[in-house]
Amino acid sequence: MSNEAGKKIKLSRIGNSLRQQKYLQLMVLPGLIWLIVFCYIPMVGLFAAFFDYNPFLGILKSPFVGFAHFKELFHDELFWNSVRNMFGLSLTKTVFAIIMPILFALMLNEIKNMTLKKIVQTASYLPHFISWVVVAGLFIMWLNTDGIVNHVLMSLGFTNEPQAHLNSPGGFWIWMAIIDTWKETGWWAIIYLAAIAAIPVEQYESAVVDGASRIRRMISITIPSIKSTIMMVVILSIGSMIYGGLSGSNLQQSLLFGNSLNYDNSMILETYIVNMGLSQGRFSYAIAAGLILSLLSFVLFSGANAVSRNLTNTSLY
């Protein structure tokens, strides 16, 4: 009886909480419906990876091929090249995406003129709202042989002749990281600025009395105080690293900046999937590659979360 009574009390408490939070639940409902419809229901289509899918027959009536698509993937050099490019591009961008917003937030926090601070902050996160199509058009123009970047480099004596920077396979990853940093640094710095604003002012005042410099206050007070926020962003960045980090811009950059000259470094797994699925009509093969992409993301996210939990006692679950 005691167990049954305990269960009834627990259910009663849950019911009371649900009734008290009914308006909050209504606010969450649209997002929950979107998540189920666009994220969970499409997962049923993953079974097509094990069939030779024919749109006219449906998944279950299409011929079953088992792991044939996965075996073909693992023997495809283009697949492995796209995986290499995906990790190379993503790792380069993730390093920039983690470090630069922290540094920018720390520097912005040291600006004492509030008007100047607001102007700089507003100007820094405005690029986030610019479409990648527009950004690509701007940087292709700026980095072209007759663009402003070449004019500046030649006038400063760094190069004797103009370079087609985006056409060089060797520099593609770095340029994509620089462009992504320009677009997203101000936006992601907002998270760190919010965490910094929550630090008690008394800590800084005590440090000033003790004669601590600005650098010392950053190292001893600011950074340790926002450590949990940093780790949260690191976990999310690593979990979404194969998609281009928190901005998820790998596919856009590969499609917009990629060309026949930088193809060896701009072809990533996502564009490989798009080409196989849409251009060649190999839907099951593309779904198999997409399943591998999702599994890689899950492994990276779980690993980063576990490492963070063991080292810093900070984790998302």
Protein backbone atom coordinates (compact mmCIF):
# COMPACT_ATOMS: atom_id res chain seq x y z
CA MET A 1 0.00 0.00 0.00
CA SER A 2 2.83 2.35 0.82
CA ASN A 3 4.26 1.99 -2.68
CA GLU A 4 0.87 2.62 -4.28
CA ALA A 5 0.30 5.64 -2.04
CA GLY A 6 3.73 6.98 -2.96
CA LYS A 7 2.97 6.60 -6.66
CA LYS A 8 -0.37 8.38 -6.25
CA ILE A 9 1.30 11.26 -4.41
CA LYS A 10 3.97 11.51 -7.12
CA LEU A 11 1.37 11.50 -9.90
CA SER A 12 -0.66 14.10 -8.01
CA ARG A 13 2.38 16.38 -7.76
CA ILE A 14 3.09 15.97 -11.47
CA GLY A 15 -0.55 16.79 -12.26
CA ASN A 16 -0.44 19.90 -10.07
CA SER A 17 2.77 21.05 -11.74
CA LEU A 18 1.26 20.55 -15.19
CA ARG A 19 -1.82 22.56 -14.25
CA GLN A 20 0.25 25.38 -12.76
CA GLN A 21 2.48 25.54 -15.83
CA LYS A 22 -0.26 25.18 -18.47
CA TYR A 23 0.48 28.55 -20.09
CA LEU A 24 4.20 27.79 -20.29
CA GLN A 25 3.38 24.44 -21.87
CA LEU A 26 1.19 26.14 -24.46
CA MET A 27 4.14 28.39 -25.35
CA VAL A 28 6.38 25.34 -25.77
CA LEU A 29 3.80 23.39 -27.81
CA PRO A 30 4.52 24.97 -31.27
CA GLY A 31 8.24 24.24 -30.92
CA LEU A 32 7.50 20.69 -29.76
CA ILE A 33 5.21 20.08 -32.74
CA TRP A 34 7.87 21.45 -35.11
CA LEU A 35 10.48 19.15 -33.50
CA ILE A 36 8.30 16.06 -33.88
CA VAL A 37 7.14 16.80 -37.43
CA PHE A 38 10.46 17.89 -38.93
CA CYS A 39 13.04 16.04 -36.79
CA TYR A 40 11.57 12.80 -35.44
CA ILE A 41 9.02 11.70 -38.05
CA PRO A 42 11.55 11.96 -40.95
CA MET A 43 13.80 9.51 -39.06
CA VAL A 44 11.47 6.75 -40.30
CA GLY A 45 13.00 7.34 -43.73
CA LEU A 46 16.39 6.12 -42.47
CA PHE A 47 15.21 2.58 -43.22
CA ALA A 48 15.56 3.46 -46.90
CA ALA A 49 19.34 3.19 -46.45
CA PHE A 50 18.90 -0.60 -46.38
CA PHE A 51 16.72 -0.72 -49.51
CA ASP A 52 17.23 0.14 -53.16
CA TYR A 53 14.60 2.84 -52.79
CA ASN A 54 12.23 3.50 -55.66
CA PRO A 55 9.90 6.51 -55.15
CA PHE A 56 7.15 4.76 -57.14
CA LEU A 57 7.26 1.61 -54.99
CA GLY A 58 7.82 3.10 -51.56
CA ILE A 59 10.36 1.97 -48.96
CA LEU A 60 8.91 -1.40 -47.94
CA LYS A 61 8.17 -2.56 -51.51
CA SER A 62 11.62 -1.58 -52.80
CA PRO A 63 14.28 -4.34 -53.04
CA PHE A 64 16.09 -4.98 -49.75
CA VAL A 65 19.89 -4.68 -50.13
CA GLY A 66 21.04 -4.74 -46.50
CA PHE A 67 24.42 -3.05 -45.97
CA ALA A 68 25.30 -2.88 -49.67
CA HIS A 69 25.16 0.92 -49.76
CA PHE A 70 27.44 1.20 -46.73
CA LYS A 71 29.95 -1.21 -48.27
CA GLU A 72 29.99 0.86 -51.45
CA LEU A 73 30.47 4.03 -49.41
CA PHE A 74 33.49 2.64 -47.60
CA HIS A 75 35.13 1.72 -50.92
CA ASP A 76 34.46 5.11 -52.54
CA GLU A 77 37.54 7.37 -52.54
CA LEU A 78 35.36 10.43 -53.14
CA PHE A 79 33.44 9.61 -49.95
CA TRP A 80 36.63 9.46 -47.86
CA ASN A 81 37.92 12.66 -49.46
CA SER A 82 34.67 14.41 -48.52
CA VAL A 83 34.98 13.09 -44.94
CA ARG A 84 38.55 14.42 -44.74
CA ASN A 85 37.46 17.82 -46.03
CA MET A 86 34.51 17.87 -43.64
CA PHE A 87 36.70 17.31 -40.59
CA GLY A 88 39.46 19.63 -41.82
CA LEU A 89 37.09 22.50 -42.58
CA SER A 90 35.00 21.93 -39.45
CA LEU A 91 37.96 21.69 -37.09
CA THR A 92 39.51 24.88 -38.50
CA LYS A 93 36.23 26.78 -38.14
CA THR A 94 35.48 25.37 -34.67
CA VAL A 95 38.82 26.57 -33.28
CA PHE A 96 38.10 30.08 -34.57
CA ALA A 97 34.45 29.92 -33.44
CA ILE A 98 35.36 29.00 -29.85
CA ILE A 99 38.29 31.35 -29.28
CA MET A 100 37.32 34.53 -31.14
CA PRO A 101 33.93 35.22 -29.46
CA ILE A 102 35.55 34.80 -26.02
CA LEU A 103 38.35 37.24 -26.85
CA PHE A 104 35.91 39.69 -28.42
CA ALA A 105 33.58 39.55 -25.39
CA LEU A 106 36.50 40.11 -23.01
CA MET A 107 37.72 43.13 -24.99
CA LEU A 108 34.20 44.52 -25.38
CA ASN A 109 33.65 44.22 -21.64
CA GLU A 110 36.65 46.47 -21.03
CA ILE A 111 35.16 49.37 -23.02
CA LYS A 112 33.95 51.88 -20.43
CA ASN A 113 32.28 54.31 -22.82
CA MET A 114 28.76 52.83 -23.01
CA THR A 115 27.86 54.62 -26.26
CA LEU A 116 30.94 53.29 -28.02
CA LYS A 117 30.34 49.84 -26.52
CA LYS A 118 26.78 49.70 -27.88
CA ILE A 119 27.89 50.86 -31.33
CA VAL A 120 30.67 48.25 -31.52
CA GLN A 121 28.42 45.47 -30.23
CA THR A 122 25.60 46.31 -32.64
CA ALA A 123 27.98 46.54 -35.61
CA SER A 124 29.57 43.22 -34.66
CA TYR A 125 26.44 41.09 -34.63
CA LEU A 126 24.71 42.64 -37.66
CA PRO A 127 26.61 40.36 -40.12
CA HIS A 128 24.85 37.39 -38.51
CA PHE A 129 21.60 38.49 -40.16
CA ILE A 130 23.11 38.78 -43.64
CA SER A 131 22.25 35.90 -45.97
CA TRP A 132 25.09 33.55 -46.91
CA VAL A 133 24.30 34.25 -50.56
CA VAL A 134 25.01 37.96 -50.01
CA VAL A 135 28.12 37.20 -47.93
CA ALA A 136 29.44 34.89 -50.66
CA GLY A 137 28.89 37.56 -53.31
CA LEU A 138 30.76 40.16 -51.24
CA PHE A 139 33.77 38.00 -50.42
CA ILE A 140 34.07 36.54 -53.91
CA MET A 141 34.25 40.14 -55.15
CA TRP A 142 36.71 41.24 -52.43
CA LEU A 143 38.99 38.20 -52.80
CA ASN A 144 39.02 38.19 -56.60
CA THR A 145 42.20 39.02 -58.53
CA ASP A 146 41.02 42.62 -58.96
CA GLY A 147 39.40 42.81 -55.51
CA ILE A 148 40.22 45.11 -52.61
CA VAL A 149 42.16 42.44 -50.69
CA ASN A 150 44.71 42.04 -53.49
CA HIS A 151 45.04 45.82 -53.86
CA VAL A 152 45.80 46.17 -50.13
CA LEU A 153 48.27 43.25 -50.09
CA MET A 154 50.10 44.55 -53.16
CA SER A 155 50.25 48.13 -51.85
CA LEU A 156 51.75 46.85 -48.58
CA GLY A 157 54.31 44.74 -50.44
CA PHE A 158 53.07 41.33 -49.24
CA THR A 159 52.67 40.07 -52.82
CA ASN A 160 53.87 41.15 -56.24
CA GLU A 161 50.91 39.89 -58.26
CA PRO A 162 47.20 39.40 -57.55
CA GLN A 163 46.06 36.03 -56.23
CA ALA A 164 42.73 34.25 -56.70
CA HIS A 165 42.51 33.38 -53.00
CA LEU A 166 39.29 31.35 -53.10
CA ASN A 167 40.50 29.27 -56.04
CA SER A 168 43.45 27.89 -54.08
CA PRO A 169 42.64 24.48 -52.52
CA GLY A 170 45.32 24.97 -49.86
CA GLY A 171 43.80 28.16 -48.47
CA PHE A 172 40.12 27.27 -48.77
CA TRP A 173 39.63 26.08 -45.17
CA ILE A 174 41.37 29.12 -43.67
CA TRP A 175 39.38 31.59 -45.76
CA MET A 176 36.11 29.84 -44.85
CA ALA A 177 37.05 30.05 -41.15
CA ILE A 178 37.88 33.76 -41.49
CA ILE A 179 34.59 34.50 -43.28
CA ASP A 180 32.58 32.49 -40.75
CA THR A 181 34.35 34.30 -37.89
CA TRP A 182 33.56 37.70 -39.42
CA LYS A 183 29.90 36.75 -39.73
CA GLU A 184 29.27 35.04 -36.37
CA THR A 185 31.75 36.32 -33.75
CA GLY A 186 29.62 39.25 -32.60
CA TRP A 187 26.52 37.08 -32.37
CA TRP A 188 28.08 34.36 -30.21
CA ALA A 189 29.86 36.95 -28.05
CA ILE A 190 26.40 37.91 -26.72
CA ILE A 191 26.31 34.66 -24.71
CA TYR A 192 29.63 35.45 -23.03
CA LEU A 193 28.69 39.08 -22.43
CA ALA A 194 25.52 37.92 -20.65
CA ALA A 195 27.58 35.57 -18.48
CA ILE A 196 30.10 38.33 -17.72
CA ALA A 197 27.29 40.71 -16.74
CA ALA A 198 26.22 38.23 -14.04
CA ILE A 199 29.60 38.41 -12.28
CA PRO A 200 29.31 40.41 -9.01
CA VAL A 201 30.90 43.86 -9.35
CA GLU A 202 32.32 43.51 -5.83
CA GLN A 203 34.84 40.95 -7.08
CA TYR A 204 36.31 43.45 -9.55
CA GLU A 205 36.29 46.23 -6.95
CA SER A 206 38.21 44.04 -4.49
CA ALA A 207 40.72 43.13 -7.20
CA VAL A 208 41.25 46.82 -8.05
CA VAL A 209 41.89 47.59 -4.38
CA ASP A 210 44.46 44.78 -4.32
CA GLY A 211 46.20 46.37 -7.32
CA ALA A 212 45.23 43.77 -9.95
CA SER A 213 45.66 44.90 -13.56
CA ARG A 214 42.97 44.47 -16.21
CA ILE A 215 44.70 41.39 -17.60
CA ARG A 216 44.94 39.89 -14.12
CA ARG A 217 41.24 40.59 -13.50
CA MET A 218 40.36 38.85 -16.75
CA ILE A 219 42.46 35.79 -15.92
CA SER A 220 41.55 35.52 -12.23
CA ILE A 221 37.89 36.63 -12.20
CA THR A 222 36.22 36.87 -15.60
CA ILE A 223 37.37 33.66 -17.29
CA PRO A 224 36.85 31.37 -14.24
CA SER A 225 33.39 32.88 -13.70
CA ILE A 226 32.24 32.10 -17.25
CA LYS A 227 33.92 28.67 -17.41
CA SER A 228 30.59 26.80 -17.37
CA THR A 229 29.30 28.94 -20.25
CA ILE A 230 32.49 28.33 -22.22
CA MET A 231 32.21 24.57 -21.69
CA MET A 232 28.56 24.57 -22.75
CA VAL A 233 29.45 26.35 -26.00
CA VAL A 234 32.42 24.01 -26.54
CA ILE A 235 30.18 20.94 -26.16
CA LEU A 236 27.60 22.34 -28.58
CA SER A 237 30.34 23.40 -31.02
CA ILE A 238 31.97 19.96 -31.05
CA GLY A 239 28.59 18.24 -31.31
CA SER A 240 27.73 20.26 -34.40
CA MET A 241 31.31 20.49 -35.65
CA ILE A 242 30.78 18.35 -38.73
CA TYR A 243 28.04 20.74 -39.87
CA GLY A 244 30.29 23.78 -39.44
CA GLY A 245 29.95 24.45 -35.71
CA LEU A 246 27.15 26.44 -34.14
CA SER A 247 26.58 28.42 -37.33
CA GLY A 248 26.08 25.19 -39.31
CA SER A 249 27.51 26.86 -42.40
CA ASN A 250 29.58 24.08 -44.01
CA LEU A 251 27.01 23.21 -46.66
CA GLN A 252 26.33 26.84 -47.58
CA GLN A 253 30.02 27.63 -47.87
CA SER A 254 30.76 24.50 -49.90
CA LEU A 255 27.95 25.22 -52.35
CA LEU A 256 28.55 28.97 -52.65
CA PHE A 257 32.37 29.17 -52.55
CA GLY A 258 33.23 25.78 -54.05
CA ASN A 259 34.31 25.51 -57.69
CA SER A 260 36.28 23.22 -59.97
CA LEU A 261 39.59 24.78 -58.89
CA ASN A 262 39.18 24.26 -55.13
CA TYR A 263 37.04 21.11 -55.45
CA ASP A 264 39.61 18.88 -53.73
CA ASN A 265 39.18 20.84 -50.48
CA SER A 266 35.65 22.25 -50.81
CA MET A 267 33.80 18.97 -51.41
CA ILE A 268 32.44 17.90 -48.00
CA LEU A 269 30.20 15.02 -46.94
CA GLU A 270 27.06 17.16 -47.03
CA THR A 271 27.63 18.24 -50.64
CA TYR A 272 28.52 14.63 -51.47
CA ILE A 273 25.10 13.61 -50.10
CA VAL A 274 23.33 16.36 -52.04
CA ASN A 275 25.07 15.37 -55.28
CA MET A 276 24.29 11.68 -54.84
CA GLY A 277 20.69 12.22 -53.77
CA LEU A 278 19.52 15.08 -55.97
CA SER A 279 21.90 15.14 -58.94
CA GLN A 280 22.24 11.37 -59.45
CA GLY A 281 18.93 10.25 -57.92
CA ARG A 282 20.59 7.65 -55.66
CA PHE A 283 18.29 8.30 -52.73
CA SER A 284 19.10 5.22 -50.63
CA TYR A 285 22.83 5.72 -51.11
CA ALA A 286 22.53 9.36 -50.02
CA ILE A 287 20.45 8.36 -46.97
CA ALA A 288 23.14 5.84 -45.98
CA ALA A 289 25.77 8.59 -46.16
CA GLY A 290 23.47 10.89 -44.17
CA LEU A 291 23.06 8.22 -41.48
CA ILE A 292 26.84 8.02 -41.13
CA LEU A 293 26.95 11.82 -40.83
CA SER A 294 24.36 11.74 -38.02
CA LEU A 295 26.19 8.96 -36.17
CA LEU A 296 29.47 10.89 -36.35
CA SER A 297 27.74 13.96 -34.91
CA PHE A 298 26.21 11.89 -32.09
CA VAL A 299 29.57 10.33 -31.19
CA LEU A 300 31.32 13.72 -31.15
CA PHE A 301 28.58 15.33 -29.04
CA SER A 302 28.45 12.46 -26.52
CA GLY A 303 32.24 12.33 -26.27
CA ALA A 304 32.57 16.08 -25.70
CA ASN A 305 29.81 15.98 -23.08
CA ALA A 306 31.46 13.06 -21.23
CA VAL A 307 34.91 14.68 -21.26
CA SER A 308 33.50 17.98 -20.01
CA ARG A 309 31.55 16.23 -17.24
CA ASN A 310 34.66 14.38 -16.03
CA LEU A 311 37.05 17.35 -16.24
CA THR A 312 34.90 20.33 -15.22
CA ASN A 313 31.68 18.84 -13.78
CA THR A 314 29.81 20.77 -16.49
CA SER A 315 27.63 18.90 -18.97
CA LEU A 316 24.38 19.18 -20.88
CA TYR A 317 23.04 15.86 -19.55
